[in-house]
Amino acid sequence: MSDTFAFVVGTLPFLWQGLLMTLFVSLIVVICSLLLGLLVGVAFAYASWWLTLPLRAASDILRGTPLLVVIFSIYYLLPFVGFNLQPLPAFLLALTLFKTAHVGEIARGAIQSIAKGQTDAGKAIGLTFPQRLLYVIFPQAVRRFLPPWINSVTDAVKGSSLISLVGVVDLMLAAQQVIGRTYEPLPIYLLAAAMYFVINYCLSVLSRRLEARYAYIRE
């Protein structure tokens, strides 16, 4: 038992850089997809058809396509149209677009769940469109937005493991490299799984605290 523990501890320095890459990719994707997804959600809810139509088409295609296909499409097809991206930015672009499509739908649903009377009330007191979003719609929609969005964040963390398919060393690829040298797959995979679990468990705890924070908002 002590030998196994010492072996696992000894592999931590090799997994550390991969873990940092996993956290970096997840953080970038979550922030970018949140910002872009909110814009897409607002467009779905309020924009004219000529803007929502291409957004709707792109969103449906991305949400209906496996993430692996999106990654390989961007990584291998973009060079044919003159965009030669390195593996890391290509993967960040693919995962961000994929998650933006999902976050946009989550934001649209949360915004459209707010009664139209709230918007009318904002207009009645002279609020501009950005002010109505900021002071009337978003504070009420956030409670409905948070639970599915946190699920989307945990999916982004798990989806980041696919970056190893384009040759970038993340936690999973670092684990596989260690296994290739030690021929001890079970403890390494269990350690990698434990790291992913800790990350997603922290996100779940954060989700519950945020939901409690906004529980004062009544339906």
Foldseek 3Di string as FASTA:
>chain_A
DVVLVVVLVVLVVLLVVQAVVLVVLLVLLLVLLLVLLLVLLVCCQDNDCVVVVVVVVLLCVLQVDDLVCLLCCQQPVVVVVPDHDALVVSNSVSSSSSLSSVSNVLSNVLQVVDDVVQVVVCVVVPHDPVRSVVPGRVLQSVLSSLPVSLVSSLVSSVVSVCSVVSPDRHNVNSLVVVCVVVVPNPVSVVVSVVSSVVVSVVSVVVSVVVNVVSVVRDD
